């Protein structure tokens, strides 16, 4: 009988160990899956932000567009695991997917009217981030198909911000990145007029984060110098060098790869500053 009791005791001990192990495994799984899915950073804006590779317009990028590159095209590479620790104040995830929805020639109004914002809103989930950079086309009075006056520009920004907040996601407004003119006494000046101030007004009014990309890029380009950024950052190309531009190009709005990477680095720095500020305020 004692032998039978010992067998029962051993059996119960084994059950207890299996049960404990199962609980630890479940706890471990829970800790591992604290973030069930990657956080998505949606980029909405114009050509200076766009990703021209892939399925942008169903054309061979290298043959028909290269070397033009929006800064969003190279933004994903900044979100490696080590970098995410620098953004812990605003990013609640183990990994990040950059989903670049920006399109050339779009203003806030046309981005909305074409249903592009509706598609982003549909996909948005809690803790995602929407980075919005418009202004280049909104202020283009010579193109009535895209032009939006200041009040309209502000109203569409309000819409994007408020609907992002409805999804418990984080809106981040950017002032429009600088164009490569006008230069005065060795410093690049603001070409965007009131379309630079409007995003600042909305960010303050709605108490949401702002990255002053216009100022950051003006200052950075000024440090590099007009000649350097004209040749290396913007789409000023000699004839015969690129298949897509056999006659060359003179374009002081859009970026070559080096310029796109430089601007993406500025935006990442802006995110880090926002994260640091958020952490210090807690």
C-alpha atoms as a PDB file:
ATOM      1  CA  UNK A   1       0.000   0.000   0.000  1.00  0.00           C
ATOM      2  CA  UNK A   2       2.864   2.360   0.850  1.00  0.00           C
ATOM      3  CA  UNK A   3       4.373   1.622  -2.535  1.00  0.00           C
ATOM      4  CA  UNK A   4       1.092   2.606  -4.208  1.00  0.00           C
ATOM      5  CA  UNK A   5       0.986   5.838  -2.169  1.00  0.00           C
ATOM      6  CA  UNK A   6       4.474   6.713  -3.331  1.00  0.00           C
ATOM      7  CA  UNK A   7       3.470   6.189  -6.950  1.00  0.00           C
ATOM      8  CA  UNK A   8       0.480   8.513  -6.484  1.00  0.00           C
ATOM      9  CA  UNK A   9       2.713  11.121  -4.840  1.00  0.00           C
ATOM     10  CA  UNK A  10       5.257  11.019  -7.676  1.00  0.00           C
ATOM     11  CA  UNK A  11       2.426  11.283 -10.197  1.00  0.00           C
ATOM     12  CA  UNK A  12       0.968  14.353  -8.484  1.00  0.00           C
ATOM     13  CA  UNK A  13       4.404  16.011  -8.321  1.00  0.00           C
ATOM     14  CA  UNK A  14       4.858  15.464 -12.048  1.00  0.00           C
ATOM     15  CA  UNK A  15       1.471  17.012 -12.746  1.00  0.00           C
ATOM     16  CA  UNK A  16       2.410  20.022 -10.628  1.00  0.00           C
ATOM     17  CA  UNK A  17       5.696  20.495 -12.507  1.00  0.00           C
ATOM     18  CA  UNK A  18       3.970  20.244 -15.884  1.00  0.00           C
ATOM     19  CA  UNK A  19       1.332  22.742 -14.766  1.00  0.00           C
ATOM     20  CA  UNK A  20       3.947  25.205 -13.481  1.00  0.00           C
ATOM     21  CA  UNK A  21       5.975  24.834 -16.647  1.00  0.00           C
ATOM     22  CA  UNK A  22       2.882  25.478 -18.737  1.00  0.00           C
ATOM     23  CA  UNK A  23       2.095  28.624 -16.750  1.00  0.00           C
ATOM     24  CA  UNK A  24       5.672  29.896 -17.098  1.00  0.00           C
ATOM     25  CA  UNK A  25       5.566  29.219 -20.820  1.00  0.00           C
ATOM     26  CA  UNK A  26       2.309  31.146 -21.161  1.00  0.00           C
ATOM     27  CA  UNK A  27       3.713  34.002 -19.080  1.00  0.00           C
ATOM     28  CA  UNK A  28       6.827  34.030 -21.244  1.00  0.00           C
ATOM     29  CA  UNK A  29       4.703  34.083 -24.375  1.00  0.00           C
ATOM     30  CA  UNK A  30       2.731  36.998 -22.960  1.00  0.00           C
ATOM     31  CA  UNK A  31       5.913  38.922 -22.185  1.00  0.00           C
ATOM     32  CA  UNK A  32       7.283  38.180 -25.646  1.00  0.00           C
ATOM     33  CA  UNK A  33       4.093  39.333 -27.342  1.00  0.00           C
ATOM     34  CA  UNK A  34       3.597  42.538 -25.366  1.00  0.00           C
ATOM     35  CA  UNK A  35       3.244  44.189 -28.783  1.00  0.00           C
ATOM     36  CA  UNK A  36       1.172  41.874 -30.921  1.00  0.00           C
ATOM     37  CA  UNK A  37       1.921  43.540 -34.245  1.00  0.00           C
ATOM     38  CA  UNK A  38       4.295  46.120 -35.726  1.00  0.00           C
ATOM     39  CA  UNK A  39       3.429  49.777 -35.436  1.00  0.00           C
ATOM     40  CA  UNK A  40       2.812  51.484 -38.776  1.00  0.00           C
ATOM     41  CA  UNK A  41       4.049  54.966 -39.609  1.00  0.00           C
ATOM     42  CA  UNK A  42       1.908  56.369 -42.403  1.00  0.00           C
ATOM     43  CA  UNK A  43       3.420  59.132 -44.515  1.00  0.00           C
ATOM     44  CA  UNK A  44       0.922  61.418 -46.231  1.00  0.00           C
ATOM     45  CA  UNK A  45       2.032  64.291 -48.385  1.00  0.00           C
ATOM     46  CA  UNK A  46       3.480  65.270 -51.747  1.00  0.00           C
ATOM     47  CA  UNK A  47       6.299  64.374 -54.150  1.00  0.00           C
ATOM     48  CA  UNK A  48       9.103  65.452 -51.818  1.00  0.00           C
ATOM     49  CA  UNK A  49       7.968  62.671 -49.444  1.00  0.00           C
ATOM     50  CA  UNK A  50       6.909  60.048 -51.996  1.00  0.00           C
ATOM     51  CA  UNK A  51       8.366  56.620 -52.715  1.00  0.00           C
ATOM     52  CA  UNK A  52       8.813  56.365 -56.497  1.00  0.00           C
ATOM     53  CA  UNK A  53      10.035  52.781 -56.492  1.00  0.00           C
ATOM     54  CA  UNK A  54       7.797  49.715 -56.495  1.00  0.00           C
ATOM     55  CA  UNK A  55       4.293  50.240 -57.866  1.00  0.00           C
ATOM     56  CA  UNK A  56       4.189  54.044 -57.718  1.00  0.00           C
ATOM     57  CA  UNK A  57       2.997  54.421 -61.320  1.00  0.00           C
ATOM     58  CA  UNK A  58       3.599  51.005 -62.897  1.00  0.00           C
ATOM     59  CA  UNK A  59       6.697  52.234 -64.699  1.00  0.00           C
ATOM     60  CA  UNK A  60      10.297  51.082 -64.500  1.00  0.00           C
ATOM     61  CA  UNK A  61      11.692  53.365 -61.806  1.00  0.00           C
ATOM     62  CA  UNK A  62      15.336  53.090 -62.846  1.00  0.00           C
ATOM     63  CA  UNK A  63      14.541  53.829 -66.494  1.00  0.00           C
ATOM     64  CA  UNK A  64      11.865  56.503 -66.157  1.00  0.00           C
ATOM     65  CA  UNK A  65      12.466  58.350 -62.881  1.00  0.00           C
ATOM     66  CA  UNK A  66      15.794  57.619 -61.177  1.00  0.00           C
ATOM     67  CA  UNK A  67      17.544  59.444 -59.511  1.00  0.00           C
ATOM     68  CA  UNK A  68      14.501  61.335 -58.158  1.00  0.00           C
ATOM     69  CA  UNK A  69      13.697  60.153 -54.641  1.00  0.00           C
ATOM     70  CA  UNK A  70      11.320  61.357 -51.936  1.00  0.00           C
ATOM     71  CA  UNK A  71      12.626  61.262 -48.384  1.00  0.00           C
ATOM     72  CA  UNK A  72       9.938  58.721 -47.445  1.00  0.00           C
ATOM     73  CA  UNK A  73      11.531  56.274 -49.867  1.00  0.00           C
ATOM     74  CA  UNK A  74      14.520  55.827 -47.545  1.00  0.00           C
ATOM     75  CA  UNK A  75      12.761  56.340 -44.201  1.00  0.00           C
ATOM     76  CA  UNK A  76      12.295  52.662 -43.345  1.00  0.00           C
ATOM     77  CA  UNK A  77      16.039  52.088 -42.934  1.00  0.00           C
ATOM     78  CA  UNK A  78      16.130  54.359 -39.870  1.00  0.00           C
ATOM     79  CA  UNK A  79      13.864  52.048 -37.859  1.00  0.00           C
ATOM     80  CA  UNK A  80      16.234  49.248 -36.988  1.00  0.00           C
ATOM     81  CA  UNK A  81      15.904  47.680 -33.533  1.00  0.00           C
ATOM     82  CA  UNK A  82      18.653  49.803 -31.958  1.00  0.00           C
ATOM     83  CA  UNK A  83      17.057  52.997 -33.229  1.00  0.00           C
ATOM     84  CA  UNK A  84      13.662  52.217 -31.727  1.00  0.00           C
ATOM     85  CA  UNK A  85      15.047  52.599 -28.204  1.00  0.00           C
ATOM     86  CA  UNK A  86      15.706  56.254 -29.039  1.00  0.00           C
ATOM     87  CA  UNK A  87      12.002  56.714 -29.836  1.00  0.00           C
ATOM     88  CA  UNK A  88      10.449  54.961 -26.849  1.00  0.00           C
ATOM     89  CA  UNK A  89       8.588  58.116 -25.864  1.00  0.00           C
ATOM     90  CA  UNK A  90       6.376  57.958 -28.961  1.00  0.00           C
ATOM     91  CA  UNK A  91       6.734  54.461 -30.407  1.00  0.00           C
ATOM     92  CA  UNK A  92       5.018  51.631 -28.541  1.00  0.00           C
ATOM     93  CA  UNK A  93       6.174  48.643 -30.566  1.00  0.00           C
ATOM     94  CA  UNK A  94       9.051  46.238 -31.152  1.00  0.00           C
ATOM     95  CA  UNK A  95       9.104  46.952 -34.874  1.00  0.00           C
ATOM     96  CA  UNK A  96       7.952  49.612 -37.312  1.00  0.00           C
ATOM     97  CA  UNK A  97       6.619  49.496 -40.846  1.00  0.00           C
ATOM     98  CA  UNK A  98       6.798  52.698 -42.885  1.00  0.00           C
ATOM     99  CA  UNK A  99       3.808  52.900 -45.232  1.00  0.00           C
ATOM    100  CA  UNK A 100       4.439  55.763 -47.636  1.00  0.00           C
ATOM    101  CA  UNK A 101       1.140  56.979 -49.129  1.00  0.00           C
ATOM    102  CA  UNK A 102       2.503  60.342 -50.363  1.00  0.00           C
ATOM    103  CA  UNK A 103       1.904  61.222 -54.018  1.00  0.00           C
ATOM    104  CA  UNK A 104       3.358  63.810 -56.340  1.00  0.00           C
ATOM    105  CA  UNK A 105       1.274  66.890 -57.068  1.00  0.00           C
ATOM    106  CA  UNK A 106      -1.108  66.433 -54.135  1.00  0.00           C
ATOM    107  CA  UNK A 107      -2.291  69.124 -51.791  1.00  0.00           C
ATOM    108  CA  UNK A 108      -4.262  68.467 -48.615  1.00  0.00           C
ATOM    109  CA  UNK A 109      -7.452  68.976 -50.619  1.00  0.00           C
ATOM    110  CA  UNK A 110      -6.665  66.619 -53.512  1.00  0.00           C
ATOM    111  CA  UNK A 111      -5.212  64.002 -51.173  1.00  0.00           C
ATOM    112  CA  UNK A 112      -8.569  63.984 -49.409  1.00  0.00           C
ATOM    113  CA  UNK A 113     -10.767  64.264 -52.515  1.00  0.00           C
ATOM    114  CA  UNK A 114      -9.055  61.329 -54.247  1.00  0.00           C
ATOM    115  CA  UNK A 115      -9.868  59.057 -51.314  1.00  0.00           C
ATOM    116  CA  UNK A 116      -6.246  58.666 -50.284  1.00  0.00           C
ATOM    117  CA  UNK A 117      -6.899  59.823 -46.735  1.00  0.00           C
ATOM    118  CA  UNK A 118      -9.943  57.559 -46.466  1.00  0.00           C
ATOM    119  CA  UNK A 119      -7.725  54.570 -47.281  1.00  0.00           C
ATOM    120  CA  UNK A 120      -5.227  55.550 -44.571  1.00  0.00           C
ATOM    121  CA  UNK A 121      -7.992  56.148 -42.019  1.00  0.00           C
ATOM    122  CA  UNK A 122      -9.476  52.725 -42.747  1.00  0.00           C
ATOM    123  CA  UNK A 123      -6.141  51.008 -42.000  1.00  0.00           C
ATOM    124  CA  UNK A 124      -5.163  53.070 -38.951  1.00  0.00           C
ATOM    125  CA  UNK A 125      -4.941  51.284 -35.622  1.00  0.00           C
ATOM    126  CA  UNK A 126      -4.163  52.278 -32.063  1.00  0.00           C
ATOM    127  CA  UNK A 127      -0.625  53.651 -31.477  1.00  0.00           C
ATOM    128  CA  UNK A 128       0.084  54.018 -35.205  1.00  0.00           C
ATOM    129  CA  UNK A 129       1.629  57.299 -36.326  1.00  0.00           C
ATOM    130  CA  UNK A 130       0.579  59.603 -39.179  1.00  0.00           C
ATOM    131  CA  UNK A 131       3.252  62.013 -40.385  1.00  0.00           C
ATOM    132  CA  UNK A 132       1.759  64.693 -42.636  1.00  0.00           C
ATOM    133  CA  UNK A 133       3.756  67.069 -44.828  1.00  0.00           C
ATOM    134  CA  UNK A 134       1.916  69.262 -47.300  1.00  0.00           C
ATOM    135  CA  UNK A 135       2.178  72.878 -48.440  1.00  0.00           C
ATOM    136  CA  UNK A 136       4.160  72.707 -51.682  1.00  0.00           C
ATOM    137  CA  UNK A 137       1.065  72.190 -53.814  1.00  0.00           C
ATOM    138  CA  UNK A 138      -1.496  73.802 -51.511  1.00  0.00           C
ATOM    139  CA  UNK A 139       0.115  77.174 -52.113  1.00  0.00           C
ATOM    140  CA  UNK A 140       0.475  76.760 -55.885  1.00  0.00           C
ATOM    141  CA  UNK A 141      -1.941  79.411 -57.175  1.00  0.00           C
ATOM    142  CA  UNK A 142      -0.827  78.768 -60.758  1.00  0.00           C
ATOM    143  CA  UNK A 143      -2.304  75.240 -60.478  1.00  0.00           C
ATOM    144  CA  UNK A 144      -5.982  75.699 -59.549  1.00  0.00           C
ATOM    145  CA  UNK A 145      -6.505  71.933 -59.721  1.00  0.00           C
ATOM    146  CA  UNK A 146      -4.455  71.557 -56.532  1.00  0.00           C
ATOM    147  CA  UNK A 147      -4.408  75.023 -54.940  1.00  0.00           C
ATOM    148  CA  UNK A 148      -5.927  75.507 -51.472  1.00  0.00           C
ATOM    149  CA  UNK A 149      -6.076  78.837 -49.677  1.00  0.00           C
ATOM    150  CA  UNK A 150      -4.648  79.103 -46.172  1.00  0.00           C
ATOM    151  CA  UNK A 151      -7.949  78.541 -44.395  1.00  0.00           C
ATOM    152  CA  UNK A 152      -8.700  75.484 -46.510  1.00  0.00           C
ATOM    153  CA  UNK A 153      -5.188  74.169 -45.890  1.00  0.00           C
ATOM    154  CA  UNK A 154      -5.696  74.525 -42.148  1.00  0.00           C
ATOM    155  CA  UNK A 155      -9.109  72.876 -42.295  1.00  0.00           C
ATOM    156  CA  UNK A 156      -7.794  69.777 -44.046  1.00  0.00           C
ATOM    157  CA  UNK A 157      -4.927  69.526 -41.563  1.00  0.00           C
ATOM    158  CA  UNK A 158      -7.493  69.715 -38.755  1.00  0.00           C
ATOM    159  CA  UNK A 159      -9.407  66.876 -40.397  1.00  0.00           C
ATOM    160  CA  UNK A 160      -6.355  64.630 -40.719  1.00  0.00           C
ATOM    161  CA  UNK A 161      -5.357  65.338 -37.119  1.00  0.00           C
ATOM    162  CA  UNK A 162      -8.805  64.871 -35.573  1.00  0.00           C
ATOM    163  CA  UNK A 163      -9.509  61.621 -37.417  1.00  0.00           C
ATOM    164  CA  UNK A 164      -6.071  60.254 -36.519  1.00  0.00           C
ATOM    165  CA  UNK A 165      -6.839  60.972 -32.861  1.00  0.00           C
ATOM    166  CA  UNK A 166     -10.207  59.219 -33.230  1.00  0.00           C
ATOM    167  CA  UNK A 167      -8.289  56.014 -33.921  1.00  0.00           C
ATOM    168  CA  UNK A 168      -6.049  56.546 -30.854  1.00  0.00           C
ATOM    169  CA  UNK A 169      -3.122  57.049 -33.209  1.00  0.00           C
ATOM    170  CA  UNK A 170      -0.533  59.828 -33.107  1.00  0.00           C
ATOM    171  CA  UNK A 171      -0.612  62.684 -35.668  1.00  0.00           C
ATOM    172  CA  UNK A 172       2.646  64.527 -36.307  1.00  0.00           C
ATOM    173  CA  UNK A 173       2.535  67.650 -38.468  1.00  0.00           C
ATOM    174  CA  UNK A 174       5.531  68.775 -40.514  1.00  0.00           C
ATOM    175  CA  UNK A 175       6.134  72.167 -42.036  1.00  0.00           C
ATOM    176  CA  UNK A 176       6.939  71.758 -45.763  1.00  0.00           C
ATOM    177  CA  UNK A 177      10.548  70.858 -46.547  1.00  0.00           C
ATOM    178  CA  UNK A 178      12.570  73.720 -48.058  1.00  0.00           C
ATOM    179  CA  UNK A 179      13.021  74.316 -51.758  1.00  0.00           C
ATOM    180  CA  UNK A 180      16.486  75.265 -52.967  1.00  0.00           C
ATOM    181  CA  UNK A 181      15.626  78.969 -53.273  1.00  0.00           C
ATOM    182  CA  UNK A 182      15.808  81.823 -52.508  1.00  0.00           C
ATOM    183  CA  UNK A 183      19.336  82.199 -51.149  1.00  0.00           C
ATOM    184  CA  UNK A 184      20.382  85.406 -49.424  1.00  0.00           C
ATOM    185  CA  UNK A 185      23.851  86.149 -48.071  1.00  0.00           C
ATOM    186  CA  UNK A 186      24.733  82.468 -48.011  1.00  0.00           C
ATOM    187  CA  UNK A 187      21.570  81.336 -46.250  1.00  0.00           C
ATOM    188  CA  UNK A 188      18.556  79.563 -47.719  1.00  0.00           C
ATOM    189  CA  UNK A 189      15.343  81.509 -47.050  1.00  0.00           C
ATOM    190  CA  UNK A 190      11.688  80.516 -46.598  1.00  0.00           C
ATOM    191  CA  UNK A 191       9.823  80.173 -49.884  1.00  0.00           C
ATOM    192  CA  UNK A 192       6.567  78.850 -48.418  1.00  0.00           C
ATOM    193  CA  UNK A 193       5.186  82.068 -46.928  1.00  0.00           C
ATOM    194  CA  UNK A 194       2.087  81.515 -44.790  1.00  0.00           C
ATOM    195  CA  UNK A 195       2.054  77.823 -45.719  1.00  0.00           C
ATOM    196  CA  UNK A 196       4.978  77.452 -43.343  1.00  0.00           C
ATOM    197  CA  UNK A 197       3.138  79.129 -40.458  1.00  0.00           C
ATOM    198  CA  UNK A 198      -0.228  77.369 -40.911  1.00  0.00           C
ATOM    199  CA  UNK A 199       0.973  73.898 -39.740  1.00  0.00           C
ATOM    200  CA  UNK A 200       2.479  75.523 -36.627  1.00  0.00           C
ATOM    201  CA  UNK A 201      -0.848  77.210 -35.886  1.00  0.00           C
ATOM    202  CA  UNK A 202      -2.763  73.923 -36.182  1.00  0.00           C
ATOM    203  CA  UNK A 203      -0.255  72.005 -34.059  1.00  0.00           C
ATOM    204  CA  UNK A 204      -0.573  74.594 -31.311  1.00  0.00           C
ATOM    205  CA  UNK A 205      -4.357  74.850 -31.626  1.00  0.00           C
ATOM    206  CA  UNK A 206      -4.869  71.078 -31.440  1.00  0.00           C
ATOM    207  CA  UNK A 207      -1.984  70.384 -29.061  1.00  0.00           C
ATOM    208  CA  UNK A 208      -0.269  67.828 -31.291  1.00  0.00           C
ATOM    209  CA  UNK A 209       3.431  67.338 -32.130  1.00  0.00           C
ATOM    210  CA  UNK A 210       5.141  69.410 -34.818  1.00  0.00           C
ATOM    211  CA  UNK A 211       8.461  68.976 -36.594  1.00  0.00           C
ATOM    212  CA  UNK A 212       9.606  72.237 -38.164  1.00  0.00           C
ATOM    213  CA  UNK A 213      11.130  70.572 -41.222  1.00  0.00           C
ATOM    214  CA  UNK A 214      11.208  73.819 -43.200  1.00  0.00           C
ATOM    215  CA  UNK A 215      13.521  75.470 -40.671  1.00  0.00           C
ATOM    216  CA  UNK A 216      15.577  72.320 -40.087  1.00  0.00           C
ATOM    217  CA  UNK A 217      16.162  71.834 -43.809  1.00  0.00           C
ATOM    218  CA  UNK A 218      16.875  75.531 -44.482  1.00  0.00           C
ATOM    219  CA  UNK A 219      19.510  75.560 -41.758  1.00  0.00           C
ATOM    220  CA  UNK A 220      21.015  72.222 -42.796  1.00  0.00           C
ATOM    221  CA  UNK A 221      21.189  73.126 -46.479  1.00  0.00           C
ATOM    222  CA  UNK A 222      22.700  76.500 -45.575  1.00  0.00           C
ATOM    223  CA  UNK A 223      25.488  74.756 -43.647  1.00  0.00           C
ATOM    224  CA  UNK A 224      26.261  72.628 -46.701  1.00  0.00           C
ATOM    225  CA  UNK A 225      26.217  75.620 -49.050  1.00  0.00           C
ATOM    226  CA  UNK A 226      24.249  76.505 -52.167  1.00  0.00           C
ATOM    227  CA  UNK A 227      26.647  74.941 -54.656  1.00  0.00           C
ATOM    228  CA  UNK A 228      26.880  71.641 -52.790  1.00  0.00           C
ATOM    229  CA  UNK A 229      23.158  71.104 -52.235  1.00  0.00           C
ATOM    230  CA  UNK A 230      22.325  72.227 -55.781  1.00  0.00           C
ATOM    231  CA  UNK A 231      24.632  69.585 -57.258  1.00  0.00           C
ATOM    232  CA  UNK A 232      24.183  66.763 -54.753  1.00  0.00           C
ATOM    233  CA  UNK A 233      20.798  67.120 -53.060  1.00  0.00           C
ATOM    234  CA  UNK A 234      18.409  68.554 -55.637  1.00  0.00           C
ATOM    235  CA  UNK A 235      17.559  67.339 -59.129  1.00  0.00           C
ATOM    236  CA  UNK A 236      20.002  69.493 -61.042  1.00  0.00           C
ATOM    237  CA  UNK A 237      21.425  66.946 -63.475  1.00  0.00           C
ATOM    238  CA  UNK A 238      23.874  67.150 -66.370  1.00  0.00           C
ATOM    239  CA  UNK A 239      22.795  65.938 -69.812  1.00  0.00           C
ATOM    240  CA  UNK A 240      23.554  62.345 -70.707  1.00  0.00           C
ATOM    241  CA  UNK A 241      24.150  61.022 -67.176  1.00  0.00           C
ATOM    242  CA  UNK A 242      20.780  59.408 -66.449  1.00  0.00           C
ATOM    243  CA  UNK A 243      18.556  57.427 -68.794  1.00  0.00           C
ATOM    244  CA  UNK A 244      15.393  59.117 -67.507  1.00  0.00           C
ATOM    245  CA  UNK A 245      16.820  62.609 -68.129  1.00  0.00           C
ATOM    246  CA  UNK A 246      18.849  62.480 -71.348  1.00  0.00           C
ATOM    247  CA  UNK A 247      18.817  66.270 -71.651  1.00  0.00           C
ATOM    248  CA  UNK A 248      19.569  66.856 -67.981  1.00  0.00           C
ATOM    249  CA  UNK A 249      17.339  68.545 -65.435  1.00  0.00           C
ATOM    250  CA  UNK A 250      17.073  71.793 -63.497  1.00  0.00           C
ATOM    251  CA  UNK A 251      14.852  71.132 -60.501  1.00  0.00           C
ATOM    252  CA  UNK A 252      15.291  72.774 -57.110  1.00  0.00           C
ATOM    253  CA  UNK A 253      12.307  71.117 -55.422  1.00  0.00           C
ATOM    254  CA  UNK A 254      12.836  67.361 -55.757  1.00  0.00           C
ATOM    255  CA  UNK A 255      15.680  65.308 -54.344  1.00  0.00           C
ATOM    256  CA  UNK A 256      18.431  63.070 -55.542  1.00  0.00           C
ATOM    257  CA  UNK A 257      19.186  60.070 -53.269  1.00  0.00           C
ATOM    258  CA  UNK A 258      21.706  61.981 -51.167  1.00  0.00           C
ATOM    259  CA  UNK A 259      19.208  64.776 -50.558  1.00  0.00           C
ATOM    260  CA  UNK A 260      16.386  62.362 -49.729  1.00  0.00           C
ATOM    261  CA  UNK A 261      18.570  60.588 -47.168  1.00  0.00           C
ATOM    262  CA  UNK A 262      19.617  63.892 -45.605  1.00  0.00           C
ATOM    263  CA  UNK A 263      15.999  65.025 -45.201  1.00  0.00           C
ATOM    264  CA  UNK A 264      14.918  61.620 -43.852  1.00  0.00           C
ATOM    265  CA  UNK A 265      17.680  61.950 -41.258  1.00  0.00           C
ATOM    266  CA  UNK A 266      16.311  65.361 -40.253  1.00  0.00           C
ATOM    267  CA  UNK A 267      12.812  63.941 -39.821  1.00  0.00           C
ATOM    268  CA  UNK A 268      14.170  61.065 -37.729  1.00  0.00           C
ATOM    269  CA  UNK A 269      16.016  63.590 -35.564  1.00  0.00           C
ATOM    270  CA  UNK A 270      12.727  65.469 -35.196  1.00  0.00           C
ATOM    271  CA  UNK A 271      11.045  62.271 -34.009  1.00  0.00           C
ATOM    272  CA  UNK A 272      13.831  61.662 -31.512  1.00  0.00           C
ATOM    273  CA  UNK A 273      13.433  65.197 -30.143  1.00  0.00           C
ATOM    274  CA  UNK A 274       9.683  64.633 -29.759  1.00  0.00           C
ATOM    275  CA  UNK A 275      10.344  61.331 -27.996  1.00  0.00           C
ATOM    276  CA  UNK A 276      12.858  62.900 -25.612  1.00  0.00           C
ATOM    277  CA  UNK A 277      10.415  65.684 -24.824  1.00  0.00           C
ATOM    278  CA  UNK A 278       7.586  63.228 -24.225  1.00  0.00           C
ATOM    279  CA  UNK A 279       9.748  61.140 -21.887  1.00  0.00           C
ATOM    280  CA  UNK A 280      10.937  64.153 -19.889  1.00  0.00           C
ATOM    281  CA  UNK A 281       7.359  65.390 -19.401  1.00  0.00           C
ATOM    282  CA  UNK A 282       6.221  62.092 -17.829  1.00  0.00           C
END
